[in-house]
Amino acid sequence: MNTVIDFDGATVNVRKVRKRARVTDHAVLRYLERVMEVPVEQIRRQILTDGVVLAMALGAQSARLKDHHVVIQGQVVVTILAPTMIVRRRRRKAKWPVAGQQKDQG
């Protein structure tokens, strides 16, 4: 069944629609929560351990969670990396003037 007739009597190519069809991350999360009954809030609590909160308070960009890395931006956990994945460090601006440049007087 490659084509169907829509409500207005027009022919619709189902294959074209399927190629473009997408499911958002939000929809996947709600499916896990409501259909598969995955305890999402319990998982959030398992991720947001005292160690992760302490790392946030100290301004860390990542923290260990068992064998995994929790990537942090501000006070938000943005992703979890598997043990085999590399944590990429963001470069920080130097706190001292670079040779040949003057300090801002701001």
PDB file of N, CA and C in Angstrom:
ATOM      1  N   MET A   1       0.859  -1.181   0.000  1.00  0.00           N
ATOM      2  CA  MET A   1       0.000   0.000   0.000  1.00  0.00           C
ATOM      3  C   MET A   1       0.902   1.240   0.000  1.00  0.00           C
ATOM      4  N   ASN A   2       1.171   1.739  -1.203  1.00  0.00           N
ATOM      5  CA  ASN A   2       2.033   2.908  -1.336  1.00  0.00           C
ATOM      6  C   ASN A   2       1.253   4.210  -1.360  1.00  0.00           C
ATOM      7  N   THR A   3      -0.002   4.152  -1.778  1.00  0.00           N
ATOM      8  CA  THR A   3      -0.804   5.372  -1.836  1.00  0.00           C
ATOM      9  C   THR A   3      -2.140   5.154  -1.141  1.00  0.00           C
ATOM     10  N   VAL A   4      -2.653   6.237  -0.600  1.00  0.00           N
ATOM     11  CA  VAL A   4      -3.980   6.236   0.015  1.00  0.00           C
ATOM     12  C   VAL A   4      -4.689   7.509  -0.412  1.00  0.00           C
ATOM     13  N   ILE A   5      -5.977   7.542  -0.201  1.00  0.00           N
ATOM     14  CA  ILE A   5      -6.769   8.728  -0.505  1.00  0.00           C
ATOM     15  C   ILE A   5      -7.029   9.460   0.807  1.00  0.00           C
ATOM     16  N   ASP A   6      -6.710  10.773   0.839  1.00  0.00           N
ATOM     17  CA  ASP A   6      -6.931  11.542   2.067  1.00  0.00           C
ATOM     18  C   ASP A   6      -8.387  11.993   2.164  1.00  0.00           C
ATOM     19  N   PHE A   7      -8.702  12.799   3.171  1.00  0.00           N
ATOM     20  CA  PHE A   7     -10.077  13.222   3.434  1.00  0.00           C
ATOM     21  C   PHE A   7     -10.643  14.124   2.347  1.00  0.00           C
ATOM     22  N   ASP A   8      -9.757  14.770   1.585  1.00  0.00           N
ATOM     23  CA  ASP A   8     -10.210  15.646   0.501  1.00  0.00           C
ATOM     24  C   ASP A   8     -10.266  14.917  -0.831  1.00  0.00           C
ATOM     25  N   GLY A   9      -9.962  13.617  -0.842  1.00  0.00           N
ATOM     26  CA  GLY A   9      -9.994  12.841  -2.076  1.00  0.00           C
ATOM     27  C   GLY A   9      -8.682  12.861  -2.845  1.00  0.00           C
ATOM     28  N   ALA A  10      -7.650  13.491  -2.284  1.00  0.00           N
ATOM     29  CA  ALA A  10      -6.350  13.552  -2.957  1.00  0.00           C
ATOM     30  C   ALA A  10      -5.541  12.296  -2.643  1.00  0.00           C
ATOM     31  N   THR A  11      -4.701  11.911  -3.598  1.00  0.00           N
ATOM     32  CA  THR A  11      -3.835  10.749  -3.414  1.00  0.00           C
ATOM     33  C   THR A  11      -2.611  11.157  -2.604  1.00  0.00           C
ATOM     34  N   VAL A  12      -2.257  10.339  -1.614  1.00  0.00           N
ATOM     35  CA  VAL A  12      -1.098  10.607  -0.759  1.00  0.00           C
ATOM     36  C   VAL A  12      -0.126   9.441  -0.889  1.00  0.00           C
ATOM     37  N   ASN A  13       1.144   9.752  -1.144  1.00  0.00           N
ATOM     38  CA  ASN A  13       2.183   8.732  -1.241  1.00  0.00           C
ATOM     39  C   ASN A  13       2.700   8.440   0.169  1.00  0.00           C
ATOM     40  N   VAL A  14       2.372   7.274   0.697  1.00  0.00           N
ATOM     41  CA  VAL A  14       2.723   6.903   2.067  1.00  0.00           C
ATOM     42  C   VAL A  14       4.234   6.755   2.224  1.00  0.00           C
ATOM     43  N   ARG A  15       4.917   6.253   1.212  1.00  0.00           N
ATOM     44  CA  ARG A  15       6.379   6.110   1.289  1.00  0.00           C
ATOM     45  C   ARG A  15       7.065   7.457   1.506  1.00  0.00           C
ATOM     46  N   LYS A  16       6.611   8.488   0.786  1.00  0.00           N
ATOM     47  CA  LYS A  16       7.199   9.829   0.953  1.00  0.00           C
ATOM     48  C   LYS A  16       6.974  10.346   2.371  1.00  0.00           C
ATOM     49  N   VAL A  17       5.783  10.126   2.879  1.00  0.00           N
ATOM     50  CA  VAL A  17       5.472  10.575   4.237  1.00  0.00           C
ATOM     51  C   VAL A  17       6.350   9.836   5.237  1.00  0.00           C
ATOM     52  N   ARG A  18       6.504   8.515   5.069  1.00  0.00           N
ATOM     53  CA  ARG A  18       7.315   7.724   5.996  1.00  0.00           C
ATOM     54  C   ARG A  18       8.770   8.183   5.982  1.00  0.00           C
ATOM     55  N   LYS A  19       9.304   8.542   4.821  1.00  0.00           N
ATOM     56  CA  LYS A  19      10.698   9.005   4.730  1.00  0.00           C
ATOM     57  C   LYS A  19      10.916  10.287   5.531  1.00  0.00           C
ATOM     58  N   ARG A  20       9.904  11.127   5.586  1.00  0.00           N
ATOM     59  CA  ARG A  20      10.042  12.419   6.277  1.00  0.00           C
ATOM     60  C   ARG A  20       9.537  12.395   7.716  1.00  0.00           C
ATOM     61  N   ALA A  21       8.862  11.353   8.095  1.00  0.00           N
ATOM     62  CA  ALA A  21       8.266  11.275   9.433  1.00  0.00           C
ATOM     63  C   ALA A  21       9.351  11.213  10.502  1.00  0.00           C
ATOM     64  N   ARG A  22       9.163  11.923  11.595  1.00  0.00           N
ATOM     65  CA  ARG A  22      10.115  11.969  12.704  1.00  0.00           C
ATOM     66  C   ARG A  22       9.361  11.881  14.025  1.00  0.00           C
ATOM     67  N   VAL A  23      10.087  11.479  15.068  1.00  0.00           N
ATOM     68  CA  VAL A  23       9.549  11.449  16.430  1.00  0.00           C
ATOM     69  C   VAL A  23      10.490  12.279  17.285  1.00  0.00           C
ATOM     70  N   THR A  24       9.964  13.258  17.996  1.00  0.00           N
ATOM     71  CA  THR A  24      10.810  14.124  18.823  1.00  0.00           C
ATOM     72  C   THR A  24      11.301  13.387  20.065  1.00  0.00           C
ATOM     73  N   ASP A  25      12.369  13.914  20.663  1.00  0.00           N
ATOM     74  CA  ASP A  25      12.872  13.362  21.920  1.00  0.00           C
ATOM     75  C   ASP A  25      11.809  13.460  23.015  1.00  0.00           C
ATOM     76  N   HIS A  26      11.039  14.549  22.995  1.00  0.00           N
ATOM     77  CA  HIS A  26       9.972  14.732  23.983  1.00  0.00           C
ATOM     78  C   HIS A  26       8.939  13.609  23.859  1.00  0.00           C
ATOM     79  N   ALA A  27       8.573  13.273  22.619  1.00  0.00           N
ATOM     80  CA  ALA A  27       7.598  12.205  22.408  1.00  0.00           C
ATOM     81  C   ALA A  27       8.151  10.859  22.874  1.00  0.00           C
ATOM     82  N   VAL A  28       9.439  10.611  22.619  1.00  0.00           N
ATOM     83  CA  VAL A  28      10.061   9.365  23.078  1.00  0.00           C
ATOM     84  C   VAL A  28      10.036   9.302  24.602  1.00  0.00           C
ATOM     85  N   LEU A  29      10.387  10.419  25.249  1.00  0.00           N
ATOM     86  CA  LEU A  29      10.372  10.469  26.709  1.00  0.00           C
ATOM     87  C   LEU A  29       8.980  10.170  27.250  1.00  0.00           C
ATOM     88  N   ARG A  30       7.957  10.806  26.674  1.00  0.00           N
ATOM     89  CA  ARG A  30       6.587  10.578  27.144  1.00  0.00           C
ATOM     90  C   ARG A  30       6.141   9.141  26.874  1.00  0.00           C
ATOM     91  N   TYR A  31       6.567   8.546  25.764  1.00  0.00           N
ATOM     92  CA  TYR A  31       6.244   7.147  25.463  1.00  0.00           C
ATOM     93  C   TYR A  31       6.854   6.233  26.517  1.00  0.00           C
ATOM     94  N   LEU A  32       8.139   6.478  26.825  1.00  0.00           N
ATOM     95  CA  LEU A  32       8.803   5.676  27.855  1.00  0.00           C
ATOM     96  C   LEU A  32       8.073   5.791  29.189  1.00  0.00           C
ATOM     97  N   GLU A  33       7.676   7.021  29.511  1.00  0.00           N
ATOM     98  CA  GLU A  33       7.048   7.299  30.800  1.00  0.00           C
ATOM     99  C   GLU A  33       5.619   6.755  30.879  1.00  0.00           C
ATOM    100  N   ARG A  34       4.823   6.999  29.845  1.00  0.00           N
ATOM    101  CA  ARG A  34       3.393   6.705  29.920  1.00  0.00           C
ATOM    102  C   ARG A  34       2.994   5.350  29.351  1.00  0.00           C
ATOM    103  N   VAL A  35       3.671   4.902  28.318  1.00  0.00           N
ATOM    104  CA  VAL A  35       3.311   3.623  27.701  1.00  0.00           C
ATOM    105  C   VAL A  35       4.114   2.482  28.311  1.00  0.00           C
ATOM    106  N   MET A  36       5.425   2.673  28.394  1.00  0.00           N
ATOM    107  CA  MET A  36       6.284   1.614  28.924  1.00  0.00           C
ATOM    108  C   MET A  36       6.432   1.691  30.438  1.00  0.00           C
ATOM    109  N   GLU A  37       5.873   2.756  31.031  1.00  0.00           N
ATOM    110  CA  GLU A  37       5.878   2.979  32.480  1.00  0.00           C
ATOM    111  C   GLU A  37       7.282   2.978  33.082  1.00  0.00           C
ATOM    112  N   VAL A  38       8.218   3.587  32.358  1.00  0.00           N
ATOM    113  CA  VAL A  38       9.580   3.762  32.874  1.00  0.00           C
ATOM    114  C   VAL A  38       9.530   4.890  33.904  1.00  0.00           C
ATOM    115  N   PRO A  39      10.060   4.687  35.103  1.00  0.00           N
ATOM    116  CA  PRO A  39       9.988   5.707  36.163  1.00  0.00           C
ATOM    117  C   PRO A  39      10.995   6.841  35.924  1.00  0.00           C
ATOM    118  N   VAL A  40      10.627   7.803  35.081  1.00  0.00           N
ATOM    119  CA  VAL A  40      11.535   8.867  34.658  1.00  0.00           C
ATOM    120  C   VAL A  40      12.023   9.702  35.840  1.00  0.00           C
ATOM    121  N   GLU A  41      11.142  10.072  36.751  1.00  0.00           N
ATOM    122  CA  GLU A  41      11.571  10.892  37.896  1.00  0.00           C
ATOM    123  C   GLU A  41      12.552  10.133  38.783  1.00  0.00           C
ATOM    124  N   GLN A  42      12.365   8.848  38.922  1.00  0.00           N
ATOM    125  CA  GLN A  42      13.305   8.030  39.695  1.00  0.00           C
ATOM    126  C   GLN A  42      14.679   8.022  39.014  1.00  0.00           C
ATOM    127  N   ILE A  43      14.685   7.963  37.698  1.00  0.00           N
ATOM    128  CA  ILE A  43      15.947   8.006  36.953  1.00  0.00           C
ATOM    129  C   ILE A  43      16.624   9.356  37.148  1.00  0.00           C
ATOM    130  N   ARG A  44      15.846  10.441  37.121  1.00  0.00           N
ATOM    131  CA  ARG A  44      16.424  11.777  37.370  1.00  0.00           C
ATOM    132  C   ARG A  44      17.120  11.816  38.731  1.00  0.00           C
ATOM    133  N   ARG A  45      16.469  11.249  39.749  1.00  0.00           N
ATOM    134  CA  ARG A  45      17.063  11.234  41.090  1.00  0.00           C
ATOM    135  C   ARG A  45      18.339  10.396  41.122  1.00  0.00           C
ATOM    136  N   GLN A  46      18.379   9.310  40.359  1.00  0.00           N
ATOM    137  CA  GLN A  46      19.583   8.478  40.304  1.00  0.00           C
ATOM    138  C   GLN A  46      20.739   9.207  39.632  1.00  0.00           C
ATOM    139  N   ILE A  47      20.436  10.072  38.684  1.00  0.00           N
ATOM    140  CA  ILE A  47      21.476  10.854  38.000  1.00  0.00           C
ATOM    141  C   ILE A  47      21.945  11.996  38.887  1.00  0.00           C
ATOM    142  N   LEU A  48      21.018  12.672  39.541  1.00  0.00           N
ATOM    143  CA  LEU A  48      21.326  13.869  40.323  1.00  0.00           C
ATOM    144  C   LEU A  48      21.747  13.488  41.740  1.00  0.00           C
ATOM    145  N   THR A  49      22.871  12.789  41.845  1.00  0.00           N
ATOM    146  CA  THR A  49      23.393  12.357  43.145  1.00  0.00           C
ATOM    147  C   THR A  49      24.010  13.534  43.889  1.00  0.00           C
ATOM    148  N   ASP A  50      24.331  13.332  45.160  1.00  0.00           N
ATOM    149  CA  ASP A  50      25.005  14.374  45.937  1.00  0.00           C
ATOM    150  C   ASP A  50      26.323  14.767  45.279  1.00  0.00           C
ATOM    151  N   GLY A  51      27.040  13.791  44.719  1.00  0.00           N
ATOM    152  CA  GLY A  51      28.310  14.075  44.053  1.00  0.00           C
ATOM    153  C   GLY A  51      28.145  14.956  42.832  1.00  0.00           C
ATOM    154  N   VAL A  52      27.094  14.720  42.054  1.00  0.00           N
ATOM    155  CA  VAL A  52      26.830  15.540  40.868  1.00  0.00           C
ATOM    156  C   VAL A  52      26.436  16.952  41.291  1.00  0.00           C
ATOM    157  N   VAL A  53      25.607  17.072  42.319  1.00  0.00           N
ATOM    158  CA  VAL A  53      25.206  18.397  42.814  1.00  0.00           C
ATOM    159  C   VAL A  53      26.422  19.152  43.346  1.00  0.00           C
ATOM    160  N   LEU A  54      27.305  18.467  44.049  1.00  0.00           N
ATOM    161  CA  LEU A  54      28.530  19.093  44.541  1.00  0.00           C
ATOM    162  C   LEU A  54      29.387  19.568  43.375  1.00  0.00           C
ATOM    163  N   ALA A  55      29.514  18.754  42.341  1.00  0.00           N
ATOM    164  CA  ALA A  55      30.277  19.156  41.152  1.00  0.00           C
ATOM    165  C   ALA A  55      29.678  20.413  40.528  1.00  0.00           C
ATOM    166  N   MET A  56      28.352  20.493  40.479  1.00  0.00           N
ATOM    167  CA  MET A  56      27.682  21.692  39.960  1.00  0.00           C
ATOM    168  C   MET A  56      28.018  22.902  40.812  1.00  0.00           C
ATOM    169  N   ALA A  57      27.946  22.728  42.134  1.00  0.00           N
ATOM    170  CA  ALA A  57      28.217  23.829  43.064  1.00  0.00           C
ATOM    171  C   ALA A  57      29.642  24.341  42.909  1.00  0.00           C
ATOM    172  N   LEU A  58      30.563  23.447  42.572  1.00  0.00           N
ATOM    173  CA  LEU A  58      31.967  23.829  42.409  1.00  0.00           C
ATOM    174  C   LEU A  58      32.276  24.328  41.005  1.00  0.00           C
ATOM    175  N   GLY A  59      31.281  24.335  40.131  1.00  0.00           N
ATOM    176  CA  GLY A  59      31.474  24.835  38.772  1.00  0.00           C
ATOM    177  C   GLY A  59      32.115  23.833  37.823  1.00  0.00           C
ATOM    178  N   ALA A  60      32.067  22.555  38.172  1.00  0.00           N
ATOM    179  CA  ALA A  60      32.668  21.530  37.315  1.00  0.00           C
ATOM    180  C   ALA A  60      31.863  21.365  36.026  1.00  0.00           C
ATOM    181  N   GLN A  61      32.554  20.916  34.990  1.00  0.00           N
ATOM    182  CA  GLN A  61      31.904  20.685  33.704  1.00  0.00           C
ATOM    183  C   GLN A  61      31.499  19.230  33.525  1.00  0.00           C
ATOM    184  N   SER A  62      32.013  18.357  34.387  1.00  0.00           N
ATOM    185  CA  SER A  62      31.608  16.952  34.345  1.00  0.00           C
ATOM    186  C   SER A  62      31.824  16.326  35.714  1.00  0.00           C
ATOM    187  N   ALA A  63      31.188  15.188  35.908  1.00  0.00           N
ATOM    188  CA  ALA A  63      31.326  14.445  37.165  1.00  0.00           C
ATOM    189  C   ALA A  63      31.198  12.962  36.848  1.00  0.00           C
ATOM    190  N   ARG A  64      31.741  12.137  37.734  1.00  0.00           N
ATOM    191  CA  ARG A  64      31.635  10.687  37.565  1.00  0.00           C
ATOM    192  C   ARG A  64      30.321  10.210  38.184  1.00  0.00           C
ATOM    193  N   LEU A  65      29.692   9.268  37.512  1.00  0.00           N
ATOM    194  CA  LEU A  65      28.493   8.611  38.018  1.00  0.00           C
ATOM    195  C   LEU A  65      28.685   7.132  37.735  1.00  0.00           C
ATOM    196  N   LYS A  66      29.136   6.413  38.747  1.00  0.00           N
ATOM    197  CA  LYS A  66      29.536   5.012  38.590  1.00  0.00           C
ATOM    198  C   LYS A  66      30.630   4.962  37.528  1.00  0.00           C
ATOM    199  N   ASP A  67      30.417   4.268  36.421  1.00  0.00           N
ATOM    200  CA  ASP A  67      31.434   4.182  35.369  1.00  0.00           C
ATOM    201  C   ASP A  67      31.247   5.231  34.276  1.00  0.00           C
ATOM    202  N   HIS A  68      30.244   6.059  34.398  1.00  0.00           N
ATOM    203  CA  HIS A  68      29.905   7.012  33.349  1.00  0.00           C
ATOM    204  C   HIS A  68      30.315   8.434  33.730  1.00  0.00           C
ATOM    205  N   HIS A  69      30.307   9.329  32.747  1.00  0.00           N
ATOM    206  CA  HIS A  69      30.545  10.750  32.993  1.00  0.00           C
ATOM    207  C   HIS A  69      29.237  11.507  32.793  1.00  0.00           C
ATOM    208  N   VAL A  70      28.943  12.399  33.706  1.00  0.00           N
ATOM    209  CA  VAL A  70      27.799  13.294  33.604  1.00  0.00           C
ATOM    210  C   VAL A  70      28.351  14.627  33.118  1.00  0.00           C
ATOM    211  N   VAL A  71      27.845  15.125  31.996  1.00  0.00           N
ATOM    212  CA  VAL A  71      28.299  16.406  31.459  1.00  0.00           C
ATOM    213  C   VAL A  71      27.361  17.488  31.971  1.00  0.00           C
ATOM    214  N   ILE A  72      27.968  18.551  32.533  1.00  0.00           N
ATOM    215  CA  ILE A  72      27.222  19.606  33.220  1.00  0.00           C
ATOM    216  C   ILE A  72      27.454  20.944  32.529  1.00  0.00           C
ATOM    217  N   GLN A  73      26.392  21.717  32.378  1.00  0.00           N
ATOM    218  CA  GLN A  73      26.491  23.111  31.943  1.00  0.00           C
ATOM    219  C   GLN A  73      25.715  23.934  32.961  1.00  0.00           C
ATOM    220  N   GLY A  74      26.451  24.705  33.741  1.00  0.00           N
ATOM    221  CA  GLY A  74      25.818  25.472  34.813  1.00  0.00           C
ATOM    222  C   GLY A  74      25.281  24.525  35.862  1.00  0.00           C
ATOM    223  N   GLN A  75      23.973  24.540  36.048  1.00  0.00           N
ATOM    224  CA  GLN A  75      23.341  23.642  37.014  1.00  0.00           C
ATOM    225  C   GLN A  75      22.415  22.654  36.315  1.00  0.00           C
ATOM    226  N   VAL A  76      22.807  22.272  35.088  1.00  0.00           N
ATOM    227  CA  VAL A  76      21.992  21.367  34.282  1.00  0.00           C
ATOM    228  C   VAL A  76      22.842  20.200  33.791  1.00  0.00           C
ATOM    229  N   VAL A  77      22.353  18.986  33.991  1.00  0.00           N
ATOM    230  CA  VAL A  77      22.991  17.812  33.395  1.00  0.00           C
ATOM    231  C   VAL A  77      22.503  17.763  31.949  1.00  0.00           C
ATOM    232  N   VAL A  78      23.442  17.842  30.989  1.00  0.00           N
ATOM    233  CA  VAL A  78      23.049  17.900  29.582  1.00  0.00           C
ATOM    234  C   VAL A  78      23.184  16.567  28.862  1.00  0.00           C
ATOM    235  N   THR A  79      24.050  15.673  29.351  1.00  0.00           N
ATOM    236  CA  THR A  79      24.159  14.347  28.751  1.00  0.00           C
ATOM    237  C   THR A  79      24.931  13.417  29.669  1.00  0.00           C
ATOM    238  N   ILE A  80      24.854  12.156  29.365  1.00  0.00           N
ATOM    239  CA  ILE A  80      25.605  11.124  30.078  1.00  0.00           C
ATOM    240  C   ILE A  80      26.478  10.426  29.043  1.00  0.00           C
ATOM    241  N   LEU A  81      27.774  10.303  29.331  1.00  0.00           N
ATOM    242  CA  LEU A  81      28.694   9.648  28.409  1.00  0.00           C
ATOM    243  C   LEU A  81      29.036   8.253  28.910  1.00  0.00           C
ATOM    244  N   ALA A  82      29.103   7.312  27.996  1.00  0.00           N
ATOM    245  CA  ALA A  82      29.498   5.939  28.319  1.00  0.00           C
ATOM    246  C   ALA A  82      30.969   5.924  28.724  1.00  0.00           C
ATOM    247  N   PRO A  83      31.412   4.885  29.428  1.00  0.00           N
ATOM    248  CA  PRO A  83      32.813   4.821  29.876  1.00  0.00           C
ATOM    249  C   PRO A  83      33.826   4.941  28.743  1.00  0.00           C
ATOM    250  N   THR A  84      33.463   4.501  27.552  1.00  0.00           N
ATOM    251  CA  THR A  84      34.399   4.552  26.424  1.00  0.00           C
ATOM    252  C   THR A  84      34.434   5.902  25.726  1.00  0.00           C
ATOM    253  N   MET A  85      33.527   6.791  26.077  1.00  0.00           N
ATOM    254  CA  MET A  85      33.471   8.101  25.422  1.00  0.00           C
ATOM    255  C   MET A  85      34.400   9.078  26.122  1.00  0.00           C
ATOM    256  N   ILE A  86      34.886  10.055  25.360  1.00  0.00           N
ATOM    257  CA  ILE A  86      35.847  11.035  25.869  1.00  0.00           C
ATOM    258  C   ILE A  86      35.109  12.290  26.314  1.00  0.00           C
ATOM    259  N   VAL A  87      35.474  12.809  27.479  1.00  0.00           N
ATOM    260  CA  VAL A  87      34.941  14.087  27.948  1.00  0.00           C
ATOM    261  C   VAL A  87      35.810  15.174  27.343  1.00  0.00           C
ATOM    262  N   ARG A  88      35.224  16.022  26.530  1.00  0.00           N
ATOM    263  CA  ARG A  88      35.990  17.113  25.920  1.00  0.00           C
ATOM    264  C   ARG A  88      35.909  18.325  26.818  1.00  0.00           C
ATOM    265  N   ARG A  89      37.031  18.836  27.139  1.00  0.00           N
ATOM    266  CA  ARG A  89      37.105  19.991  28.038  1.00  0.00           C
ATOM    267  C   ARG A  89      36.988  21.277  27.231  1.00  0.00           C
ATOM    268  N   ARG A  90      36.175  22.194  27.737  1.00  0.00           N
ATOM    269  CA  ARG A  90      36.088  23.508  27.103  1.00  0.00           C
ATOM    270  C   ARG A  90      37.274  24.336  27.549  1.00  0.00           C
ATOM    271  N   ARG A  91      37.812  25.080  26.633  1.00  0.00           N
ATOM    272  CA  ARG A  91      38.943  25.939  26.985  1.00  0.00           C
ATOM    273  C   ARG A  91      38.451  27.142  27.766  1.00  0.00           C
ATOM    274  N   ARG A  92      39.191  27.470  28.783  1.00  0.00           N
ATOM    275  CA  ARG A  92      38.843  28.642  29.584  1.00  0.00           C
ATOM    276  C   ARG A  92      39.690  29.816  29.136  1.00  0.00           C
ATOM    277  N   LYS A  93      39.142  31.010  29.277  1.00  0.00           N
ATOM    278  CA  LYS A  93      39.919  32.206  28.964  1.00  0.00           C
ATOM    279  C   LYS A  93      40.976  32.390  30.037  1.00  0.00           C
ATOM    280  N   ALA A  94      42.131  32.823  29.610  1.00  0.00           N
ATOM    281  CA  ALA A  94      43.221  33.050  30.556  1.00  0.00           C
ATOM    282  C   ALA A  94      42.835  34.156  31.529  1.00  0.00           C
ATOM    283  N   LYS A  95      43.226  33.994  32.786  1.00  0.00           N
ATOM    284  CA  LYS A  95      42.924  35.009  33.799  1.00  0.00           C
ATOM    285  C   LYS A  95      43.996  36.089  33.830  1.00  0.00           C
ATOM    286  N   TRP A  96      45.035  35.901  33.069  1.00  0.00           N
ATOM    287  CA  TRP A  96      46.120  36.868  33.008  1.00  0.00           C
ATOM    288  C   TRP A  96      46.211  37.371  31.575  1.00  0.00           C
ATOM    289  N   PRO A  97      46.728  38.585  31.377  1.00  0.00           N
ATOM    290  CA  PRO A  97      46.802  39.136  30.024  1.00  0.00           C
ATOM    291  C   PRO A  97      47.785  38.343  29.159  1.00  0.00           C
ATOM    292  N   VAL A  98      47.428  38.205  27.905  1.00  0.00           N
ATOM    293  CA  VAL A  98      48.305  37.553  26.941  1.00  0.00           C
ATOM    294  C   VAL A  98      49.405  38.537  26.577  1.00  0.00           C
ATOM    295  N   ALA A  99      50.609  38.040  26.340  1.00  0.00           N
ATOM    296  CA  ALA A  99      51.746  38.903  26.015  1.00  0.00           C
ATOM    297  C   ALA A  99      51.379  39.861  24.887  1.00  0.00           C
ATOM    298  N   GLY A 100      51.657  41.125  25.086  1.00  0.00           N
ATOM    299  CA  GLY A 100      51.396  42.144  24.077  1.00  0.00           C
ATOM    300  C   GLY A 100      50.004  42.750  24.159  1.00  0.00           C
ATOM    301  N   GLN A 101      49.144  42.261  25.041  1.00  0.00           N
ATOM    302  CA  GLN A 101      47.802  42.820  25.192  1.00  0.00           C
ATOM    303  C   GLN A 101      47.679  43.480  26.554  1.00  0.00           C
ATOM    304  N   GLN A 102      46.899  44.562  26.591  1.00  0.00           N
ATOM    305  CA  GLN A 102      46.686  45.251  27.857  1.00  0.00           C
ATOM    306  C   GLN A 102      45.409  44.740  28.505  1.00  0.00           C
ATOM    307  N   LYS A 103      45.390  44.810  29.824  1.00  0.00           N
ATOM    308  CA  LYS A 103      44.202  44.453  30.593  1.00  0.00           C
ATOM    309  C   LYS A 103      43.097  45.455  30.331  1.00  0.00           C
ATOM    310  N   ASP A 104      41.841  44.978  30.276  1.00  0.00           N
ATOM    311  CA  ASP A 104      40.702  45.892  30.155  1.00  0.00           C
ATOM    312  C   ASP A 104      40.611  46.744  31.410  1.00  0.00           C
ATOM    313  N   GLN A 105      40.323  47.999  31.222  1.00  0.00           N
ATOM    314  CA  GLN A 105      40.208  48.914  32.354  1.00  0.00           C
ATOM    315  C   GLN A 105      38.758  49.036  32.820  1.00  0.00           C
ATOM    316  N   GLY A 106      37.819  48.215  32.195  1.00  0.00           N
ATOM    317  CA  GLY A 106      36.383  48.247  32.431  1.00  0.00           C
ATOM    318  C   GLY A 106      35.992  48.209  33.809  1.00  0.00           C
TER     319      GLY A 106
END
